[in-house]
Amino acid sequence: MEAKTNYTLVGVIVLVLSAALLSAMLWLSVGFNQKTYVTYTVYLHEAAAGLSEDSAVKYNGVQVGFVKKIKLNKRDPRQVEILLDIQEGTPITTSTSATLISQGITGVSYMGLSAGSSDLTPLKRVIGEPYPVIPAKPSLFDQLDSILKQVSENVGKLSASAEKVFSEENTKHFQQTLTNIDQFSKVIANNSENINRSLRSTDVILANMAKVSKDFPDILKELKIGVEHLSRAGNDVSETMISGKSAIDIISQQTVPPAIQLIRKLNSIAANLEQVSNDMRLNPSVVIRGTKPPKPGPGE
């Protein structure tokens, strides 16, 4: 009976110690490393392929949280609403953006965060949203898909343009152009000697032009000297004209007044001669008797 009691006690002690050890292990692994998370929302404008709940959230490659929930946006079914739990203290700012990143060829994806600037203004919750919204940027595959679509559209447009260019009518024109080029080449070949003479003449003309251009500065210099001489002659003529004008003014001041008096006297003499001529025509006796009547004789 005593032996059974000792085994029972040993079993109880082992169980208690095991429970204590397990509790200590749990406390050391979890109790001292408890983390506080803040929830954010990301509206993804593409398919969330390879992303699942509990997928990692990395900030510049450093894991800072995990994906809490993935669902369609009820207000816009083209978007995927993703809730992220991110460790408190992570610098989620107004310049932070989220991108879906694929890890190699496994197809597993995670949410990558990055900052566009060094501004540390924290991201705030806007009205109508339960959590702050981190703007999403297109992933690499989405960008490649857009580029491939544009390339495909451009190739289609190029193909349509090529069909228009190489239409039957344009092909005929192209053939005619080749024929004209062939004829032109034959004409050039047949007139090669004339073309060579023309080229030699052109070389002579260019040589003469080079010589003229070489002498051109001297010609300009001589022309400048001639213009200076002409300018000096013009100045001399101007001074001579000014001097002549002064002489003419002096002559007019000294000569014009006596000439005017002479003209007046000539006018008076002409008037007297005209009066005498009129009197002689009316009474010729005035030449003998004069203009005054004779004194009366005795008895008159």
C-alpha atoms as a PDB file:
ATOM      1  CA  MET A   1       0.000   0.000   0.000  1.00  0.00           C
ATOM      2  CA  GLU A   2       2.873   2.312   0.846  1.00  0.00           C
ATOM      3  CA  ALA A   3       4.601   1.608  -2.475  1.00  0.00           C
ATOM      4  CA  LYS A   4       1.464   2.518  -4.443  1.00  0.00           C
ATOM      5  CA  THR A   5       1.210   5.823  -2.579  1.00  0.00           C
ATOM      6  CA  ASN A   6       4.819   6.751  -3.440  1.00  0.00           C
ATOM      7  CA  TYR A   7       4.299   6.066  -7.185  1.00  0.00           C
ATOM      8  CA  THR A   8       1.190   8.200  -7.185  1.00  0.00           C
ATOM      9  CA  LEU A   9       3.048  11.032  -5.525  1.00  0.00           C
ATOM     10  CA  VAL A  10       5.877  10.756  -8.010  1.00  0.00           C
ATOM     11  CA  GLY A  11       3.410  10.835 -10.898  1.00  0.00           C
ATOM     12  CA  VAL A  12       1.706  13.926  -9.545  1.00  0.00           C
ATOM     13  CA  ILE A  13       5.052  15.657  -9.070  1.00  0.00           C
ATOM     14  CA  VAL A  14       6.103  14.804 -12.661  1.00  0.00           C
ATOM     15  CA  LEU A  15       2.841  16.133 -14.049  1.00  0.00           C
ATOM     16  CA  VAL A  16       3.160  19.338 -12.047  1.00  0.00           C
ATOM     17  CA  LEU A  17       6.744  19.844 -13.147  1.00  0.00           C
ATOM     18  CA  SER A  18       5.828  19.154 -16.788  1.00  0.00           C
ATOM     19  CA  ALA A  19       2.981  21.658 -16.645  1.00  0.00           C
ATOM     20  CA  ALA A  20       5.269  24.209 -15.019  1.00  0.00           C
ATOM     21  CA  LEU A  21       7.943  23.645 -17.661  1.00  0.00           C
ATOM     22  CA  LEU A  22       5.405  23.950 -20.496  1.00  0.00           C
ATOM     23  CA  SER A  23       3.994  27.125 -18.953  1.00  0.00           C
ATOM     24  CA  ALA A  24       7.460  28.575 -18.615  1.00  0.00           C
ATOM     25  CA  MET A  25       8.233  27.775 -22.221  1.00  0.00           C
ATOM     26  CA  LEU A  26       5.013  29.371 -23.414  1.00  0.00           C
ATOM     27  CA  TRP A  27       5.632  32.393 -21.250  1.00  0.00           C
ATOM     28  CA  LEU A  28       9.174  32.792 -22.527  1.00  0.00           C
ATOM     29  CA  SER A  29       8.153  32.423 -26.175  1.00  0.00           C
ATOM     30  CA  VAL A  30       4.990  34.468 -26.076  1.00  0.00           C
ATOM     31  CA  GLY A  31       4.657  36.324 -22.836  1.00  0.00           C
ATOM     32  CA  PHE A  32       7.843  38.377 -23.195  1.00  0.00           C
ATOM     33  CA  ASN A  33       7.386  39.033 -26.886  1.00  0.00           C
ATOM     34  CA  GLN A  34       3.820  40.299 -27.116  1.00  0.00           C
ATOM     35  CA  LYS A  35       3.357  42.793 -29.944  1.00  0.00           C
ATOM     36  CA  THR A  36       0.666  45.391 -30.543  1.00  0.00           C
ATOM     37  CA  TYR A  37      -0.688  45.758 -34.082  1.00  0.00           C
ATOM     38  CA  VAL A  38      -2.501  48.569 -35.887  1.00  0.00           C
ATOM     39  CA  THR A  39      -4.952  47.774 -38.683  1.00  0.00           C
ATOM     40  CA  TYR A  40      -4.727  49.479 -42.077  1.00  0.00           C
ATOM     41  CA  THR A  41      -6.735  49.088 -45.291  1.00  0.00           C
ATOM     42  CA  VAL A  42      -5.398  48.683 -48.828  1.00  0.00           C
ATOM     43  CA  TYR A  43      -7.657  48.825 -51.897  1.00  0.00           C
ATOM     44  CA  LEU A  44      -5.885  46.761 -54.526  1.00  0.00           C
ATOM     45  CA  HIS A  45      -6.771  47.588 -58.160  1.00  0.00           C
ATOM     46  CA  GLU A  46      -5.702  44.163 -59.460  1.00  0.00           C
ATOM     47  CA  ALA A  47      -6.112  40.485 -58.691  1.00  0.00           C
ATOM     48  CA  ALA A  48      -4.658  39.413 -55.342  1.00  0.00           C
ATOM     49  CA  ALA A  49      -3.073  36.310 -56.890  1.00  0.00           C
ATOM     50  CA  GLY A  50      -0.820  34.358 -54.543  1.00  0.00           C
ATOM     51  CA  LEU A  51      -1.837  36.441 -51.514  1.00  0.00           C
ATOM     52  CA  SER A  52      -3.597  34.805 -48.562  1.00  0.00           C
ATOM     53  CA  GLU A  53      -4.484  35.585 -45.005  1.00  0.00           C
ATOM     54  CA  ASP A  54      -1.460  35.536 -42.703  1.00  0.00           C
ATOM     55  CA  SER A  55       0.791  36.431 -45.655  1.00  0.00           C
ATOM     56  CA  ALA A  56       3.708  38.615 -44.673  1.00  0.00           C
ATOM     57  CA  VAL A  57       3.707  42.403 -44.809  1.00  0.00           C
ATOM     58  CA  LYS A  58       7.209  43.762 -45.382  1.00  0.00           C
ATOM     59  CA  TYR A  59       8.422  47.363 -45.170  1.00  0.00           C
ATOM     60  CA  ASN A  60      11.489  47.720 -47.449  1.00  0.00           C
ATOM     61  CA  GLY A  61      12.061  43.976 -47.062  1.00  0.00           C
ATOM     62  CA  VAL A  62      11.636  43.939 -43.249  1.00  0.00           C
ATOM     63  CA  GLN A  63       8.595  42.038 -41.986  1.00  0.00           C
ATOM     64  CA  VAL A  64       6.382  44.347 -39.952  1.00  0.00           C
ATOM     65  CA  GLY A  65       3.053  42.494 -39.930  1.00  0.00           C
ATOM     66  CA  PHE A  66       0.709  40.132 -41.716  1.00  0.00           C
ATOM     67  CA  VAL A  67      -2.417  40.110 -43.869  1.00  0.00           C
ATOM     68  CA  LYS A  68      -5.459  39.996 -41.622  1.00  0.00           C
ATOM     69  CA  LYS A  69      -8.277  39.659 -44.154  1.00  0.00           C
ATOM     70  CA  ILE A  70      -8.894  39.620 -47.930  1.00  0.00           C
ATOM     71  CA  LYS A  71     -12.277  40.395 -49.482  1.00  0.00           C
ATOM     72  CA  LEU A  72     -13.916  42.173 -52.405  1.00  0.00           C
ATOM     73  CA  ASN A  73     -14.734  45.836 -52.009  1.00  0.00           C
ATOM     74  CA  LYS A  74     -18.522  46.032 -51.726  1.00  0.00           C
ATOM     75  CA  ARG A  75     -18.552  49.576 -53.129  1.00  0.00           C
ATOM     76  CA  ASP A  76     -16.415  48.666 -56.158  1.00  0.00           C
ATOM     77  CA  PRO A  77     -16.113  44.968 -57.120  1.00  0.00           C
ATOM     78  CA  ARG A  78     -13.117  45.805 -59.342  1.00  0.00           C
ATOM     79  CA  GLN A  79     -11.056  46.348 -56.178  1.00  0.00           C
ATOM     80  CA  VAL A  80      -9.818  43.907 -53.554  1.00  0.00           C
ATOM     81  CA  GLU A  81     -10.047  45.142 -49.967  1.00  0.00           C
ATOM     82  CA  ILE A  82      -7.132  43.941 -47.850  1.00  0.00           C
ATOM     83  CA  LEU A  83      -6.778  44.508 -44.111  1.00  0.00           C
ATOM     84  CA  LEU A  84      -3.222  44.607 -42.784  1.00  0.00           C
ATOM     85  CA  ASP A  85      -2.118  44.239 -39.180  1.00  0.00           C
ATOM     86  CA  ILE A  86       1.117  46.198 -38.822  1.00  0.00           C
ATOM     87  CA  GLN A  87       3.264  46.474 -35.729  1.00  0.00           C
ATOM     88  CA  GLU A  88       2.709  49.607 -33.718  1.00  0.00           C
ATOM     89  CA  GLY A  89       5.528  52.101 -34.222  1.00  0.00           C
ATOM     90  CA  THR A  90       6.075  51.254 -37.880  1.00  0.00           C
ATOM     91  CA  PRO A  91       6.438  54.603 -39.765  1.00  0.00           C
ATOM     92  CA  ILE A  92       3.274  54.460 -41.893  1.00  0.00           C
ATOM     93  CA  THR A  93       3.240  58.014 -43.290  1.00  0.00           C
ATOM     94  CA  THR A  94       1.345  59.967 -45.934  1.00  0.00           C
ATOM     95  CA  SER A  95       3.978  58.952 -48.495  1.00  0.00           C
ATOM     96  CA  THR A  96       3.720  55.202 -47.778  1.00  0.00           C
ATOM     97  CA  SER A  97       2.336  52.993 -50.552  1.00  0.00           C
ATOM     98  CA  ALA A  98       1.524  49.266 -50.815  1.00  0.00           C
ATOM     99  CA  THR A  99       2.443  46.929 -53.684  1.00  0.00           C
ATOM    100  CA  LEU A 100       1.664  43.269 -54.297  1.00  0.00           C
ATOM    101  CA  ILE A 101       5.022  41.493 -54.681  1.00  0.00           C
ATOM    102  CA  SER A 102       5.495  37.961 -55.950  1.00  0.00           C
ATOM    103  CA  GLN A 103       8.267  35.793 -54.512  1.00  0.00           C
ATOM    104  CA  GLY A 104      10.035  34.083 -57.388  1.00  0.00           C
ATOM    105  CA  ILE A 105       8.314  31.339 -59.335  1.00  0.00           C
ATOM    106  CA  THR A 106       6.454  29.788 -56.378  1.00  0.00           C
ATOM    107  CA  GLY A 107       3.449  32.051 -56.882  1.00  0.00           C
ATOM    108  CA  VAL A 108       3.467  33.114 -53.208  1.00  0.00           C
ATOM    109  CA  SER A 109       3.025  36.853 -52.748  1.00  0.00           C
ATOM    110  CA  TYR A 110       3.284  39.335 -49.927  1.00  0.00           C
ATOM    111  CA  MET A 111       2.388  43.003 -49.402  1.00  0.00           C
ATOM    112  CA  GLY A 112       5.357  45.294 -49.756  1.00  0.00           C
ATOM    113  CA  LEU A 113       5.374  48.774 -48.214  1.00  0.00           C
ATOM    114  CA  SER A 114       7.656  51.650 -49.177  1.00  0.00           C
ATOM    115  CA  ALA A 115       7.910  55.383 -48.509  1.00  0.00           C
ATOM    116  CA  GLY A 116       8.032  57.980 -51.265  1.00  0.00           C
ATOM    117  CA  SER A 117       9.796  60.623 -49.162  1.00  0.00           C
ATOM    118  CA  SER A 118      11.402  61.230 -45.780  1.00  0.00           C
ATOM    119  CA  ASP A 119       8.310  63.069 -44.516  1.00  0.00           C
ATOM    120  CA  LEU A 120       7.195  61.443 -41.236  1.00  0.00           C
ATOM    121  CA  THR A 121       3.661  62.830 -41.168  1.00  0.00           C
ATOM    122  CA  PRO A 122       1.582  59.866 -39.895  1.00  0.00           C
ATOM    123  CA  LEU A 123      -1.269  58.495 -42.005  1.00  0.00           C
ATOM    124  CA  LYS A 124      -4.676  59.396 -40.544  1.00  0.00           C
ATOM    125  CA  ARG A 125      -8.069  57.758 -40.916  1.00  0.00           C
ATOM    126  CA  VAL A 126     -10.417  59.581 -43.274  1.00  0.00           C
ATOM    127  CA  ILE A 127     -14.150  59.989 -42.804  1.00  0.00           C
ATOM    128  CA  GLY A 128     -16.117  56.971 -44.014  1.00  0.00           C
ATOM    129  CA  GLU A 129     -13.247  54.499 -43.541  1.00  0.00           C
ATOM    130  CA  PRO A 130     -12.884  52.280 -40.458  1.00  0.00           C
ATOM    131  CA  TYR A 131      -9.079  52.254 -40.742  1.00  0.00           C
ATOM    132  CA  PRO A 132      -6.395  54.448 -42.333  1.00  0.00           C
ATOM    133  CA  VAL A 133      -6.075  53.688 -46.068  1.00  0.00           C
ATOM    134  CA  ILE A 134      -2.658  53.011 -47.561  1.00  0.00           C
ATOM    135  CA  PRO A 135      -2.710  53.820 -51.314  1.00  0.00           C
ATOM    136  CA  ALA A 136      -1.851  50.932 -53.625  1.00  0.00           C
ATOM    137  CA  LYS A 137       0.607  50.997 -56.516  1.00  0.00           C
ATOM    138  CA  PRO A 138       0.474  48.542 -59.437  1.00  0.00           C
ATOM    139  CA  SER A 139       2.626  45.473 -59.087  1.00  0.00           C
ATOM    140  CA  LEU A 140       5.366  44.492 -61.512  1.00  0.00           C
ATOM    141  CA  PHE A 141       3.151  41.915 -63.206  1.00  0.00           C
ATOM    142  CA  ASP A 142       0.334  44.432 -63.551  1.00  0.00           C
ATOM    143  CA  GLN A 143       2.719  46.937 -65.136  1.00  0.00           C
ATOM    144  CA  LEU A 144       4.039  44.240 -67.477  1.00  0.00           C
ATOM    145  CA  ASP A 145       0.485  43.283 -68.380  1.00  0.00           C
ATOM    146  CA  SER A 146      -0.358  46.901 -69.198  1.00  0.00           C
ATOM    147  CA  ILE A 147       2.804  47.254 -71.261  1.00  0.00           C
ATOM    148  CA  LEU A 148       2.086  44.018 -73.140  1.00  0.00           C
ATOM    149  CA  LYS A 149      -1.447  45.192 -73.869  1.00  0.00           C
ATOM    150  CA  GLN A 150      -0.119  48.487 -75.231  1.00  0.00           C
ATOM    151  CA  VAL A 151       2.487  46.634 -77.292  1.00  0.00           C
ATOM    152  CA  SER A 152      -0.210  44.329 -78.649  1.00  0.00           C
ATOM    153  CA  GLU A 153      -2.396  47.291 -79.564  1.00  0.00           C
ATOM    154  CA  ASN A 154       0.534  49.069 -81.222  1.00  0.00           C
ATOM    155  CA  VAL A 155       1.431  45.923 -83.158  1.00  0.00           C
ATOM    156  CA  GLY A 156      -2.172  45.668 -84.342  1.00  0.00           C
ATOM    157  CA  LYS A 157      -2.138  49.291 -85.465  1.00  0.00           C
ATOM    158  CA  LEU A 158       1.232  48.758 -87.161  1.00  0.00           C
ATOM    159  CA  SER A 159      -0.099  45.688 -88.941  1.00  0.00           C
ATOM    160  CA  ALA A 160      -3.138  47.629 -90.169  1.00  0.00           C
ATOM    161  CA  SER A 161      -0.897  50.477 -91.360  1.00  0.00           C
ATOM    162  CA  ALA A 162       1.401  47.971 -93.100  1.00  0.00           C
ATOM    163  CA  GLU A 163      -1.572  46.475 -94.909  1.00  0.00           C
ATOM    164  CA  LYS A 164      -2.525  49.954 -96.128  1.00  0.00           C
ATOM    165  CA  VAL A 165       1.037  50.715 -97.183  1.00  0.00           C
ATOM    166  CA  PHE A 166       1.499  47.452 -99.056  1.00  0.00           C
ATOM    167  CA  SER A 167      -1.856  47.574-100.811  1.00  0.00           C
ATOM    168  CA  GLU A 168      -2.076  46.575-104.458  1.00  0.00           C
ATOM    169  CA  GLU A 169      -2.168  50.197-105.648  1.00  0.00           C
ATOM    170  CA  ASN A 170       0.841  51.206-103.537  1.00  0.00           C
ATOM    171  CA  THR A 171       2.717  48.107-104.753  1.00  0.00           C
ATOM    172  CA  LYS A 172       2.224  49.250-108.344  1.00  0.00           C
ATOM    173  CA  HIS A 173       3.486  52.720-107.440  1.00  0.00           C
ATOM    174  CA  PHE A 174       6.483  51.164-105.711  1.00  0.00           C
ATOM    175  CA  GLN A 175       7.291  49.090-108.788  1.00  0.00           C
ATOM    176  CA  GLN A 176       6.976  52.187-110.974  1.00  0.00           C
ATOM    177  CA  THR A 177       9.309  54.043-108.617  1.00  0.00           C
ATOM    178  CA  LEU A 178      11.888  51.260-108.877  1.00  0.00           C
ATOM    179  CA  THR A 179      11.593  51.407-112.685  1.00  0.00           C
ATOM    180  CA  ASN A 180      12.157  55.182-112.624  1.00  0.00           C
ATOM    181  CA  ILE A 181      15.165  54.740-110.368  1.00  0.00           C
ATOM    182  CA  ASP A 182      16.578  52.163-112.754  1.00  0.00           C
ATOM    183  CA  GLN A 183      16.084  54.518-115.713  1.00  0.00           C
ATOM    184  CA  PHE A 184      17.652  57.360-113.780  1.00  0.00           C
ATOM    185  CA  SER A 185      20.662  55.196-112.971  1.00  0.00           C
ATOM    186  CA  LYS A 186      21.068  54.363-116.663  1.00  0.00           C
ATOM    187  CA  VAL A 187      20.884  58.055-117.593  1.00  0.00           C
ATOM    188  CA  ILE A 188      23.559  58.854-115.039  1.00  0.00           C
ATOM    189  CA  ALA A 189      25.756  56.048-116.347  1.00  0.00           C
ATOM    190  CA  ASN A 190      25.355  57.249-119.939  1.00  0.00           C
ATOM    191  CA  ASN A 191      26.155  60.858-119.024  1.00  0.00           C
ATOM    192  CA  SER A 192      28.943  60.186-116.588  1.00  0.00           C
ATOM    193  CA  GLU A 193      31.463  62.180-118.677  1.00  0.00           C
ATOM    194  CA  ASN A 194      29.207  65.264-118.708  1.00  0.00           C
ATOM    195  CA  ILE A 195      28.644  64.894-115.011  1.00  0.00           C
ATOM    196  CA  ASN A 196      32.404  64.710-114.436  1.00  0.00           C
ATOM    197  CA  ARG A 197      32.935  67.898-116.472  1.00  0.00           C
ATOM    198  CA  SER A 198      30.178  69.603-114.483  1.00  0.00           C
ATOM    199  CA  LEU A 199      31.822  68.520-111.263  1.00  0.00           C
ATOM    200  CA  ARG A 200      35.194  69.864-112.441  1.00  0.00           C
ATOM    201  CA  SER A 201      33.517  73.151-113.372  1.00  0.00           C
ATOM    202  CA  THR A 202      31.924  73.211-109.969  1.00  0.00           C
ATOM    203  CA  ASP A 203      35.356  72.717-108.408  1.00  0.00           C
ATOM    204  CA  VAL A 204      36.691  75.704-110.392  1.00  0.00           C
ATOM    205  CA  ILE A 205      33.723  77.839-109.319  1.00  0.00           C
ATOM    206  CA  LEU A 206      34.219  76.839-105.690  1.00  0.00           C
ATOM    207  CA  ALA A 207      37.935  77.645-105.948  1.00  0.00           C
ATOM    208  CA  ASN A 208      37.155  81.094-107.370  1.00  0.00           C
ATOM    209  CA  MET A 209      34.601  81.658-104.656  1.00  0.00           C
ATOM    210  CA  ALA A 210      37.200  80.671-102.075  1.00  0.00           C
ATOM    211  CA  LYS A 211      39.656  83.159-103.579  1.00  0.00           C
ATOM    212  CA  VAL A 212      37.013  85.902-103.583  1.00  0.00           C
ATOM    213  CA  SER A 213      36.111  85.106-100.000  1.00  0.00           C
ATOM    214  CA  LYS A 214      39.806  85.307 -99.109  1.00  0.00           C
ATOM    215  CA  ASP A 215      40.087  88.791-100.706  1.00  0.00           C
ATOM    216  CA  PHE A 216      36.740  89.895 -99.345  1.00  0.00           C
ATOM    217  CA  PRO A 217      38.132  91.360 -96.072  1.00  0.00           C
ATOM    218  CA  ASP A 218      40.559  93.577 -98.048  1.00  0.00           C
ATOM    219  CA  ILE A 219      37.704  94.721-100.316  1.00  0.00           C
ATOM    220  CA  LEU A 220      35.628  95.564 -97.273  1.00  0.00           C
ATOM    221  CA  LYS A 221      38.551  97.482 -95.804  1.00  0.00           C
ATOM    222  CA  GLU A 222      38.979  99.533 -98.992  1.00  0.00           C
ATOM    223  CA  LEU A 223      35.250 100.113 -99.185  1.00  0.00           C
ATOM    224  CA  LYS A 224      35.287 101.351 -95.610  1.00  0.00           C
ATOM    225  CA  ILE A 225      38.110 103.788 -96.434  1.00  0.00           C
ATOM    226  CA  GLY A 226      36.169 105.014 -99.467  1.00  0.00           C
ATOM    227  CA  VAL A 227      33.058 105.545 -97.367  1.00  0.00           C
ATOM    228  CA  GLU A 228      35.114 107.518 -94.836  1.00  0.00           C
ATOM    229  CA  HIS A 229      36.528 109.731 -97.626  1.00  0.00           C
ATOM    230  CA  LEU A 230      33.052 110.220 -99.055  1.00  0.00           C
ATOM    231  CA  SER A 231      31.773 111.151 -95.617  1.00  0.00           C
ATOM    232  CA  ARG A 232      34.569 113.717 -95.202  1.00  0.00           C
ATOM    233  CA  ALA A 233      33.802 115.170 -98.652  1.00  0.00           C
ATOM    234  CA  GLY A 234      30.160 115.437 -97.702  1.00  0.00           C
ATOM    235  CA  ASN A 235      31.121 117.290 -94.555  1.00  0.00           C
ATOM    236  CA  ASP A 236      33.302 119.672 -96.618  1.00  0.00           C
ATOM    237  CA  VAL A 237      30.432 120.278 -99.058  1.00  0.00           C
ATOM    238  CA  SER A 238      28.132 120.991 -96.145  1.00  0.00           C
ATOM    239  CA  GLU A 239      30.603 123.496 -94.712  1.00  0.00           C
ATOM    240  CA  THR A 240      30.996 125.137 -98.169  1.00  0.00           C
ATOM    241  CA  MET A 241      27.242 125.394 -98.581  1.00  0.00           C
ATOM    242  CA  ILE A 242      26.952 126.960 -95.156  1.00  0.00           C
ATOM    243  CA  SER A 243      29.706 129.482 -96.042  1.00  0.00           C
ATOM    244  CA  GLY A 244      28.031 130.261 -99.429  1.00  0.00           C
ATOM    245  CA  LYS A 245      24.731 130.812 -97.719  1.00  0.00           C
ATOM    246  CA  SER A 246      26.361 133.310 -95.341  1.00  0.00           C
ATOM    247  CA  ALA A 247      27.973 135.145 -98.296  1.00  0.00           C
ATOM    248  CA  ILE A 248      24.674 135.218-100.144  1.00  0.00           C
ATOM    249  CA  ASP A 249      22.991 136.667 -97.059  1.00  0.00           C
ATOM    250  CA  ILE A 250      25.638 139.399 -96.826  1.00  0.00           C
ATOM    251  CA  ILE A 251      25.370 140.221-100.545  1.00  0.00           C
ATOM    252  CA  SER A 252      21.586 140.348-100.354  1.00  0.00           C
ATOM    253  CA  GLN A 253      21.746 142.664 -97.327  1.00  0.00           C
ATOM    254  CA  GLN A 254      24.166 145.044 -99.116  1.00  0.00           C
ATOM    255  CA  THR A 255      22.731 144.912-102.651  1.00  0.00           C
ATOM    256  CA  VAL A 256      18.983 144.434-102.377  1.00  0.00           C
ATOM    257  CA  PRO A 257      18.032 147.811-100.718  1.00  0.00           C
ATOM    258  CA  PRO A 258      19.847 150.028-103.367  1.00  0.00           C
ATOM    259  CA  ALA A 259      18.429 147.855-106.114  1.00  0.00           C
ATOM    260  CA  ILE A 260      14.945 148.366-104.756  1.00  0.00           C
ATOM    261  CA  GLN A 261      15.471 152.157-104.684  1.00  0.00           C
ATOM    262  CA  LEU A 262      16.778 152.080-108.275  1.00  0.00           C
ATOM    263  CA  ILE A 263      13.769 150.093-109.401  1.00  0.00           C
ATOM    264  CA  ARG A 264      11.444 152.609-107.753  1.00  0.00           C
ATOM    265  CA  LYS A 265      13.212 155.524-109.569  1.00  0.00           C
ATOM    266  CA  LEU A 266      13.017 153.645-112.868  1.00  0.00           C
ATOM    267  CA  ASN A 267       9.315 153.115-112.279  1.00  0.00           C
ATOM    268  CA  SER A 268       8.863 156.876-111.654  1.00  0.00           C
ATOM    269  CA  ILE A 269      10.845 157.797-114.813  1.00  0.00           C
ATOM    270  CA  ALA A 270       8.832 155.321-116.855  1.00  0.00           C
ATOM    271  CA  ALA A 271       5.609 156.822-115.550  1.00  0.00           C
ATOM    272  CA  ASN A 272       6.779 160.377-116.503  1.00  0.00           C
ATOM    273  CA  LEU A 273       7.831 159.238-119.962  1.00  0.00           C
ATOM    274  CA  GLU A 274       4.476 157.569-120.432  1.00  0.00           C
ATOM    275  CA  GLN A 275       2.715 160.811-119.404  1.00  0.00           C
ATOM    276  CA  VAL A 276       4.811 162.892-121.849  1.00  0.00           C
ATOM    277  CA  SER A 277       4.105 160.420-124.607  1.00  0.00           C
ATOM    278  CA  ASN A 278       0.384 160.675-123.978  1.00  0.00           C
ATOM    279  CA  ASP A 279       0.497 164.503-123.981  1.00  0.00           C
ATOM    280  CA  MET A 280       2.432 164.575-127.272  1.00  0.00           C
ATOM    281  CA  ARG A 281      -0.033 162.256-128.850  1.00  0.00           C
ATOM    282  CA  LEU A 282      -2.980 164.454-127.816  1.00  0.00           C
ATOM    283  CA  ASN A 283      -1.332 167.844-128.483  1.00  0.00           C
ATOM    284  CA  PRO A 284       1.911 167.782-130.466  1.00  0.00           C
ATOM    285  CA  SER A 285       2.408 171.487-129.840  1.00  0.00           C
ATOM    286  CA  VAL A 286       3.470 170.812-126.367  1.00  0.00           C
ATOM    287  CA  VAL A 287       6.888 170.056-127.800  1.00  0.00           C
ATOM    288  CA  ILE A 288       7.268 173.729-128.745  1.00  0.00           C
ATOM    289  CA  ARG A 289       5.070 175.518-126.250  1.00  0.00           C
ATOM    290  CA  GLY A 290       5.339 173.170-123.341  1.00  0.00           C
ATOM    291  CA  THR A 291       2.508 172.061-121.240  1.00  0.00           C
ATOM    292  CA  LYS A 292       1.711 175.507-119.765  1.00  0.00           C
ATOM    293  CA  PRO A 293      -0.534 177.835-121.976  1.00  0.00           C
ATOM    294  CA  PRO A 294       1.242 180.991-123.351  1.00  0.00           C
ATOM    295  CA  LYS A 295       0.694 184.358-121.728  1.00  0.00           C
ATOM    296  CA  PRO A 296      -2.003 186.454-123.513  1.00  0.00           C
ATOM    297  CA  GLY A 297      -0.721 189.150-125.841  1.00  0.00           C
ATOM    298  CA  PRO A 298      -1.791 192.820-125.913  1.00  0.00           C
ATOM    299  CA  GLY A 299      -5.447 193.238-126.485  1.00  0.00           C
ATOM    300  CA  GLU A 300      -6.150 189.561-125.767  1.00  0.00           C
END
